[in-house]
Protein backbone atom coordinates (compact mmCIF):
# COMPACT_ATOMS: atom_id res chain seq x y z
CA MET A 1 0.73 -14.02 0.04
CA LYS A 2 -1.69 -13.17 2.62
CA ILE A 3 -2.62 -9.00 3.03
CA LEU A 4 -3.06 -7.51 6.27
CA PHE A 5 -4.22 -3.82 7.30
CA LEU A 6 -2.77 -2.10 10.22
CA PRO A 7 -5.50 -0.02 12.20
CA GLN A 8 -3.25 2.87 10.70
CA ALA A 9 -4.19 1.84 6.86
CA GLU A 10 -7.68 1.05 8.02
CA LYS A 11 -7.86 4.60 9.51
CA SER A 12 -6.24 6.32 6.55
CA LEU A 13 -8.38 4.91 4.25
CA GLU A 14 -11.97 5.77 5.35
CA LYS A 15 -10.47 9.31 4.99
CA PHE A 16 -11.00 8.98 1.30
CA SER A 17 -14.34 8.64 -0.62
CA LYS A 18 -15.96 5.27 -1.09
CA GLN A 19 -15.17 4.90 -4.58
CA ASP A 20 -11.28 5.76 -4.24
CA GLN A 21 -11.22 3.27 -1.04
CA LEU A 22 -13.09 0.85 -3.47
CA PHE A 23 -9.90 1.69 -6.50
CA ILE A 24 -7.51 1.17 -3.86
CA ILE A 25 -8.70 -1.75 -2.30
CA LYS A 26 -9.10 -3.61 -5.62
CA LYS A 27 -5.15 -2.81 -6.49
CA ILE A 28 -4.11 -4.03 -3.08
CA LEU A 29 -5.80 -6.78 -3.08
CA HIS A 30 -4.18 -8.27 -6.45
CA LEU A 31 -0.83 -8.27 -4.86
CA GLU A 32 -2.17 -11.44 -3.09
CA LYS A 33 -2.77 -13.21 -6.37
CA ILE A 34 1.32 -12.50 -7.30
CA LYS A 35 3.84 -14.73 -5.85
CA ASN A 36 6.24 -11.96 -5.45
CA PRO A 37 4.82 -8.73 -5.65
CA LEU A 38 8.36 -6.91 -5.68
CA ILE A 39 8.52 -7.67 -9.40
CA ILE A 40 5.33 -5.11 -9.70
CA LYS A 41 6.62 -1.86 -11.77
CA ASN A 42 4.88 0.43 -9.51
CA ILE A 43 6.38 -0.80 -6.35
CA LYS A 44 9.60 1.23 -4.87
CA LYS A 45 11.35 0.35 -2.04
CA VAL A 46 11.40 3.52 0.10
CA LYS A 47 14.78 4.34 1.10
CA LEU A 48 16.48 4.30 4.89
CA PHE A 49 13.56 2.85 6.04
CA ASN A 50 12.37 -1.35 5.37
CA PHE A 51 9.28 -0.69 3.73
CA PHE A 52 7.92 -0.42 0.12
CA ARG A 53 5.41 2.07 -1.78
CA LEU A 54 2.78 0.85 -4.36
CA ARG A 55 1.98 3.88 -6.52
CA ILE A 56 -2.13 4.01 -7.34
CA THR A 57 -2.39 6.78 -9.18
CA ASN A 58 -2.46 9.57 -6.95
CA PHE A 59 -2.42 7.67 -3.79
CA ARG A 60 0.81 5.64 -2.01
CA VAL A 61 -0.02 2.71 -0.11
CA PHE A 62 3.19 1.80 2.19
CA PHE A 63 4.13 -1.68 3.63
CA GLU A 64 6.02 -4.29 4.35
CA ILE A 65 6.87 -8.13 3.65
CA LYS A 66 7.19 -10.34 7.07
CA ASP A 67 6.55 -14.24 6.53
CA ASN A 68 4.78 -14.49 3.57
CA GLU A 69 2.51 -11.62 4.55
CA ILE A 70 2.35 -8.02 3.14
CA LEU A 71 1.59 -5.68 6.25
CA ILE A 72 -0.06 -2.20 4.65
CA SER A 73 1.17 0.61 7.33
CA GLU A 74 -0.31 3.60 5.90
CA ILE A 75 -2.38 4.97 2.54
CA ARG A 76 -1.79 8.25 1.43
CA ARG A 77 -2.99 10.78 -0.98
CA ARG A 78 0.22 11.51 -3.24
CA SER A 79 1.20 15.53 -2.11
CA GLU A 80 4.09 17.34 -0.66
CA LYS A 81 4.08 15.91 2.69
CA THR A 82 3.58 11.89 1.50
CA TYR A 83 7.34 10.96 2.60
CA ARG A 84 7.52 12.69 5.24
């Protein structure tokens, strides 16, 4: 699967330290190698939306799958406000 970062995701990724950025990108690129990334334990469907979230330690990566592409829409640090 091909991975695409939407502009909002790129902007949110820039807010983190370089070390965190590299760690997050490495985990996201791992999805590209898997035929069906939804079988990964750390991926859950977001209720009421057609999005999925990937848990990477205390970060959450929100994405959707369209036409054999993973569209990364946002990356957030886990907090009380993450799902609001």
